Each structure stands twice: as C-alpha cells, then as structure tokens.
Amino acid sequence: MTLEFFSATDVGRARDNNEDSVALDQAAGLAVLADGMGGYNAGEVASQMLTSFVSSELGRWLKDRGREARAGEVKRAMDICVDNANRAIFNAANTNPRYAGMGTTLVLGVFRPEGLLLGHVGDSRAYRLRAGRLTQITRDHSLLQEQIDAGLLTVEEAAFSSNKNLVTRAVGVEDTVLMELHLHEVQPGDTYLLCSDGLSDMLDDDSLANLLNGNPALPEAARALIGAANDNGGRDNIALILARAEGRQRTEGRGWWPFGRRGGKDSVA
C-alpha cells in the first residue's frame, strides 16, 4: 500500500499571525499538526516547537528502528517523544516571561503495516473518509465535549456554545501530558484529514465530506477546504494534513508500506 500526503496552513480572515503548525516526514509515514495558544506570539512558538521536535526526533527513530519495531514499541516511542516535547515547551514557558502560559494541541499520526497509530491532545481532530463516508476518529479533549458527554448539551446546541475553545488537555501547560493513542485499521482508498479547529469550527461534517468527495486530488481538496472555511468566516488559523492510502502492495517478506510516493506542502494565501 502506498501513501500520498499533502499539508497546508492559512492565517484565516481574523488573525494577523499563524499559530498553527504542521510537519510531514513521508519516509517515516509521520504526520504532525499543532494549534498553539498563548499571548503575544507564544502560541506560534509552542506549536512550532512541538512539530519540529516530534518530526525530528520521532521521524529519526522511525526511520532507524521503526521498520523492525512492533506497534507497542512505536506507541512507547510516540509517548516518550511527546513527553520530552511537553517538558521543553513547559520549561520555555516558565523561564521566559514572554512565553508564560503557552501551550498547544496535537494530532500525531504514524502509518504502520498494522494501521494508523493516532495520538492527540486537545481539540484538533482527525477524520477518516472511507467509501465516501466521513467519520471523526478523535474525541475532543474540551469542556464542550465533556458537557456533551454528560448530557448537558446536544451536538446542535454545542455549535453555538461560547465554550468552544476551552480545552481540557494541552501540550506544554503542565510538566506532564497525557496523549490519547489508538490504532486504526487502514484500507485502500481511505483518506485521512488531520486539522485544527480553525477548519472544523467553520465546516460541519457534511461540508467536509462533500468537499473531500468532490475534490479527489489532495492539493485541490486542501484548497477547497481552506477556501470554504474562510468563506464561512475564517475566524481562526487553519491547518490541515491529508493522507490517502492507495492500492495494495506489500514489500516481499517485510509487510512494509513504501511511504512517500508523492506529496507536498502548501501555504494558502
């Protein structure tokens, strides 16, 4: 099975700076997305620290050892890497007054022969498009999601809540962080969307599905998604990563997917 990747970011219509950050390592089957928070430019610092650290450290480990590692070992490597990044961001926030209180969400995907190992912290999301049907495969770590789970709000009421941006977990705000991590089966034809809330708050699931189904080429899909989010207000920075599994091809005797067949990155003005 081969994988095609594409990533893009956009400042949106209401912000002057971009606090979202993405990183891809196609050779390692690695995708990282972060949405920073904090005063001044601290959110931008936190998200870039996280994506740079994880893509560098975890990407190197995956290329050196990941092909022979079991899924449990990869999960542990993901946890260790995110924990180290968390400490680096936390220490920076507590030693530089300009960065006080900074933190960031995270969506981290590692594509393996066993499937997609997907970790997340906060309210940035991952979706899967399979046979034309879109499914959210992460669950927000947010006050709003807790209110929905407790039956205090319906999903429809939540769309108009003032608590949309209150996360209950973030990287860098405490000296430890708990990343939620799951393994998802990957099938040929699947398309995966990782995104910040600048996209998911502006477009409902039906709109996301229609745009993905109507734009089969990943660069065009990315531009269509960002354009629609901006047309609906663009109230926040927008970041997304698209990954598509194509065909069925197994390396003889290894069961490994040859990553990085093609892909790219874009910044949409």
Protein backbone atom coordinates (compact mmCIF):
# COMPACT_ATOMS: atom_id res chain seq x y z
CA MET A 1 0.00 0.00 0.00
CA THR A 2 1.31 3.44 -0.87
CA LEU A 3 0.51 6.72 0.85
CA GLU A 4 0.08 10.17 -0.63
CA PHE A 5 0.40 13.20 1.69
CA PHE A 6 -0.40 16.89 1.44
CA SER A 7 -0.38 19.64 4.08
CA ALA A 8 -1.44 23.28 4.13
CA THR A 9 -1.85 26.20 6.53
CA ASP A 10 -3.66 29.52 6.28
CA VAL A 11 -3.82 32.52 8.61
CA GLY A 12 -7.60 32.85 8.16
CA ARG A 13 -9.60 36.07 7.93
CA ALA A 14 -9.44 37.35 11.53
CA ARG A 15 -5.84 36.80 12.70
CA ASP A 16 -2.59 38.57 11.88
CA ASN A 17 -0.24 35.71 12.74
CA ASN A 18 -0.43 31.95 12.29
CA GLU A 19 -0.24 29.86 15.48
CA ASP A 20 -0.90 26.58 13.65
CA SER A 21 1.98 24.38 12.53
CA VAL A 22 2.30 21.15 10.52
CA ALA A 23 5.15 18.75 9.72
CA LEU A 24 5.41 15.70 7.48
CA ASP A 25 8.06 13.00 7.23
CA GLN A 26 6.85 10.89 4.35
CA ALA A 27 9.73 8.41 4.58
CA ALA A 28 8.66 7.62 8.15
CA GLY A 29 4.90 7.74 7.48
CA LEU A 30 4.69 10.54 10.06
CA ALA A 31 2.26 13.48 10.23
CA VAL A 32 2.18 16.12 12.99
CA LEU A 33 -0.26 19.02 13.45
CA ALA A 34 -0.40 21.55 16.29
CA ASP A 35 -2.58 24.55 17.15
CA GLY A 36 -0.80 26.91 19.57
CA MET A 37 -2.26 29.05 22.30
CA GLY A 38 -0.88 31.87 24.44
CA GLY A 39 -0.35 35.62 24.45
CA TYR A 40 1.84 37.64 22.09
CA ASN A 41 3.41 35.10 19.70
CA ALA A 42 3.73 32.38 22.33
CA GLY A 43 1.19 30.07 20.68
CA GLU A 44 3.18 30.18 17.46
CA VAL A 45 6.34 29.32 19.41
CA ALA A 46 4.68 26.38 21.18
CA SER A 47 3.20 24.82 18.05
CA GLN A 48 6.43 25.17 16.06
CA MET A 49 8.49 23.75 18.93
CA LEU A 50 6.18 20.74 19.07
CA THR A 51 6.01 19.93 15.37
CA SER A 52 9.76 20.47 14.90
CA PHE A 53 10.69 18.34 17.90
CA VAL A 54 8.35 15.46 17.10
CA SER A 55 9.08 15.35 13.37
CA SER A 56 12.83 15.43 14.02
CA GLU A 57 13.13 13.05 16.96
CA LEU A 58 10.34 10.59 16.22
CA GLY A 59 10.99 10.73 12.48
CA ARG A 60 14.62 9.75 13.01
CA TRP A 61 13.66 6.90 15.35
CA LEU A 62 11.04 5.56 12.94
CA LYS A 63 13.48 5.53 10.04
CA ASP A 64 16.24 3.94 12.13
CA ARG A 65 14.22 1.36 14.05
CA GLY A 66 10.56 1.65 13.20
CA ARG A 67 10.57 -0.88 10.37
CA GLU A 68 11.53 -3.66 12.76
CA ALA A 69 9.66 -2.32 15.80
CA ARG A 70 6.37 -3.72 16.99
CA ALA A 71 3.34 -1.46 17.34
CA GLY A 72 3.77 -1.39 21.14
CA GLU A 73 7.33 -0.12 20.77
CA VAL A 74 6.22 2.58 18.36
CA LYS A 75 3.49 3.66 20.79
CA ARG A 76 6.09 3.95 23.55
CA ALA A 77 8.37 5.97 21.29
CA MET A 78 5.48 8.31 20.48
CA ASP A 79 4.69 8.78 24.17
CA ILE A 80 8.32 9.45 25.08
CA CYS A 81 8.79 11.93 22.26
CA VAL A 82 5.63 13.88 23.12
CA ASP A 83 6.57 13.86 26.82
CA ASN A 84 10.02 15.27 26.00
CA ALA A 85 8.48 17.94 23.77
CA ASN A 86 5.98 18.79 26.51
CA ARG A 87 8.78 19.34 29.01
CA ALA A 88 10.70 21.52 26.57
CA ILE A 89 7.66 23.74 25.95
CA PHE A 90 6.75 23.83 29.66
CA ASN A 91 10.30 24.82 30.63
CA ALA A 92 10.39 27.54 27.96
CA ALA A 93 7.07 28.91 29.20
CA ASN A 94 8.34 29.03 32.77
CA THR A 95 11.73 30.60 32.06
CA ASN A 96 10.73 33.28 29.54
CA PRO A 97 8.01 35.73 30.66
CA ARG A 98 7.03 36.36 27.03
CA TYR A 99 6.02 32.71 26.70
CA ALA A 100 4.20 32.36 30.01
CA GLY A 101 1.11 30.16 29.72
CA MET A 102 1.81 28.98 26.20
CA GLY A 103 0.69 25.54 25.06
CA THR A 104 -0.55 23.70 22.02
CA THR A 105 -2.88 20.98 20.83
CA LEU A 106 -1.52 17.98 18.95
CA VAL A 107 -2.59 15.41 16.39
CA LEU A 108 0.12 12.86 15.66
CA GLY A 109 -0.22 10.08 13.09
CA VAL A 110 2.18 7.24 12.32
CA PHE A 111 1.21 4.95 9.46
CA ARG A 112 2.32 1.35 10.04
CA PRO A 113 1.76 -2.07 8.46
CA GLU A 114 -0.70 -2.67 11.33
CA GLY A 115 -2.60 0.52 10.58
CA LEU A 116 -2.59 4.14 11.71
CA LEU A 117 -1.27 4.86 15.21
CA LEU A 118 -3.06 8.09 16.06
CA GLY A 119 -2.39 10.22 19.11
CA HIS A 120 -4.00 13.51 20.07
CA VAL A 121 -4.14 16.13 22.81
CA GLY A 122 -6.76 18.89 22.86
CA ASP A 123 -9.39 19.74 20.25
CA SER A 124 -7.51 19.41 16.98
CA ARG A 125 -9.05 16.48 15.14
CA ALA A 126 -8.61 13.55 12.79
CA TYR A 127 -11.25 12.27 10.36
CA ARG A 128 -11.39 9.27 8.04
CA LEU A 129 -13.15 9.28 4.68
CA ARG A 130 -13.97 5.70 3.66
CA ALA A 131 -16.20 4.79 0.73
CA GLY A 132 -17.47 8.38 0.65
CA ARG A 133 -18.44 8.45 4.35
CA LEU A 134 -16.67 10.75 6.82
CA THR A 135 -16.05 9.67 10.43
CA GLN A 136 -14.38 11.66 13.20
CA ILE A 137 -11.82 9.28 14.77
CA THR A 138 -10.60 11.51 17.60
CA ARG A 139 -12.66 12.80 20.52
CA ASP A 140 -12.03 16.38 21.63
CA HIS A 141 -10.37 16.99 24.98
CA SER A 142 -12.53 20.02 25.68
CA LEU A 143 -15.05 21.38 28.16
CA LEU A 144 -17.64 21.37 25.39
CA GLN A 145 -17.14 17.66 24.70
CA GLU A 146 -17.43 16.90 28.42
CA GLN A 147 -20.74 18.80 28.52
CA ILE A 148 -21.99 16.81 25.53
CA ASP A 149 -20.89 13.53 27.13
CA ALA A 150 -22.66 14.48 30.37
CA GLY A 151 -25.90 15.24 28.50
CA LEU A 152 -25.78 18.93 29.38
CA LEU A 153 -25.68 19.97 25.72
CA THR A 154 -26.73 18.42 22.45
CA VAL A 155 -24.37 18.44 19.49
CA GLU A 156 -26.64 21.01 17.85
CA GLU A 157 -26.57 23.28 20.92
CA ALA A 158 -22.79 22.88 21.17
CA ALA A 159 -22.37 24.52 17.76
CA PHE A 160 -23.48 27.83 19.33
CA SER A 161 -21.68 27.47 22.68
CA SER A 162 -19.30 30.14 23.97
CA ASN A 163 -17.04 27.39 25.40
CA LYS A 164 -15.76 26.12 22.06
CA ASN A 165 -12.11 26.95 22.66
CA LEU A 166 -11.71 25.70 26.24
CA VAL A 167 -9.51 22.59 26.07
CA THR A 168 -9.02 20.21 28.99
CA ARG A 169 -5.64 18.94 27.78
CA ALA A 170 -2.77 20.70 26.02
CA VAL A 171 0.92 20.14 25.44
CA GLY A 172 3.24 22.38 27.46
CA VAL A 173 0.86 23.80 30.06
CA GLU A 174 1.87 21.32 32.78
CA ASP A 175 5.01 19.32 33.45
CA THR A 176 3.31 16.13 32.24
CA VAL A 177 0.80 15.48 29.47
CA LEU A 178 -1.48 12.54 28.67
CA MET A 179 -1.76 11.79 24.96
CA GLU A 180 -4.72 9.65 23.89
CA LEU A 181 -3.46 6.99 21.48
CA HIS A 182 -5.32 4.43 19.35
CA LEU A 183 -4.63 2.07 16.45
CA HIS A 184 -6.94 2.34 13.42
CA GLU A 185 -7.17 -0.13 10.54
CA VAL A 186 -6.24 1.43 7.19
CA GLN A 187 -7.93 0.26 3.99
CA PRO A 188 -7.03 1.06 0.37
CA GLY A 189 -8.88 4.18 -0.70
CA ASP A 190 -9.05 5.70 2.78
CA THR A 191 -8.39 9.43 3.08
CA TYR A 192 -7.38 10.85 6.46
CA LEU A 193 -7.83 14.51 7.43
CA LEU A 194 -5.96 15.99 10.40
CA CYS A 195 -6.98 19.56 11.17
CA SER A 196 -7.07 22.40 13.66
CA ASP A 197 -10.35 23.82 14.94
CA GLY A 198 -9.97 26.70 12.50
CA LEU A 199 -11.28 24.22 9.94
CA SER A 200 -13.64 22.03 11.99
CA ASP A 201 -15.35 25.02 13.67
CA MET A 202 -16.10 26.60 10.30
CA LEU A 203 -17.33 23.49 8.46
CA ASP A 204 -19.67 20.74 9.65
CA ASP A 205 -19.08 17.08 8.87
CA ASP A 206 -21.34 17.07 5.82
CA SER A 207 -19.46 20.01 4.32
CA LEU A 208 -16.10 18.37 4.98
CA ALA A 209 -17.28 15.14 3.37
CA ASN A 210 -18.71 16.90 0.32
CA LEU A 211 -15.51 18.85 -0.28
CA LEU A 212 -13.31 15.78 0.10
CA ASN A 213 -15.53 13.67 -2.13
CA GLY A 214 -15.77 16.45 -4.72
CA ASN A 215 -12.02 17.09 -4.92
CA PRO A 216 -10.21 13.77 -5.35
CA ALA A 217 -6.75 15.35 -5.79
CA LEU A 218 -5.32 16.18 -2.36
CA PRO A 219 -3.92 19.65 -3.22
CA GLU A 220 -7.27 20.71 -4.67
CA ALA A 221 -9.11 19.23 -1.68
CA ALA A 222 -6.90 21.21 0.70
CA ARG A 223 -7.50 24.47 -1.15
CA ALA A 224 -11.24 23.82 -1.31
CA LEU A 225 -11.43 23.11 2.43
CA ILE A 226 -9.46 26.22 3.38
CA GLY A 227 -11.41 28.36 0.93
CA ALA A 228 -14.74 27.19 2.35
CA ALA A 229 -13.59 27.77 5.94
CA ASN A 230 -12.58 31.33 5.03
CA ASP A 231 -15.83 31.90 3.16
CA ASN A 232 -17.67 30.91 6.35
CA GLY A 233 -15.80 33.49 8.40
CA GLY A 234 -12.22 32.25 8.76
CA ARG A 235 -12.28 33.18 12.44
CA ASP A 236 -9.09 31.29 13.29
CA ASN A 237 -5.91 29.98 11.73
CA ILE A 238 -6.42 26.88 9.61
CA ALA A 239 -4.10 23.88 9.35
CA LEU A 240 -4.67 20.52 7.73
CA ILE A 241 -2.87 17.38 6.67
CA LEU A 242 -4.35 14.96 4.14
CA ALA A 243 -3.15 11.37 3.73
CA ARG A 244 -4.53 8.84 1.26
CA ALA A 245 -3.88 5.09 1.16
CA GLU A 246 -3.75 3.75 -2.37
CA GLY A 247 -3.65 0.23 -3.79
CA ARG A 248 -2.29 -2.84 -2.10
CA GLN A 249 1.39 -3.52 -2.30
CA ARG A 250 3.47 -5.34 0.30
CA THR A 251 7.22 -5.42 0.34
CA GLU A 252 8.27 -9.06 -0.01
CA GLY A 253 8.91 -10.66 3.36
CA ARG A 254 8.52 -7.39 5.28
CA GLY A 255 4.89 -6.34 5.02
CA TRP A 256 6.08 -2.73 4.94
CA TRP A 257 4.38 0.06 3.02
CA PRO A 258 6.67 2.16 0.81
CA PHE A 259 5.90 5.68 2.02
CA GLY A 260 6.47 8.99 0.35
CA ARG A 261 5.39 8.14 -3.19
CA ARG A 262 4.35 11.75 -3.63
CA GLY A 263 3.06 14.64 -1.57
CA GLY A 264 3.63 18.25 -0.73
CA LYS A 265 3.04 21.24 1.46
CA ASP A 266 1.34 24.49 0.73
CA SER A 267 0.61 27.78 2.44
CA VAL A 268 -2.59 29.19 1.02
CA ALA A 269 -2.80 32.98 0.97
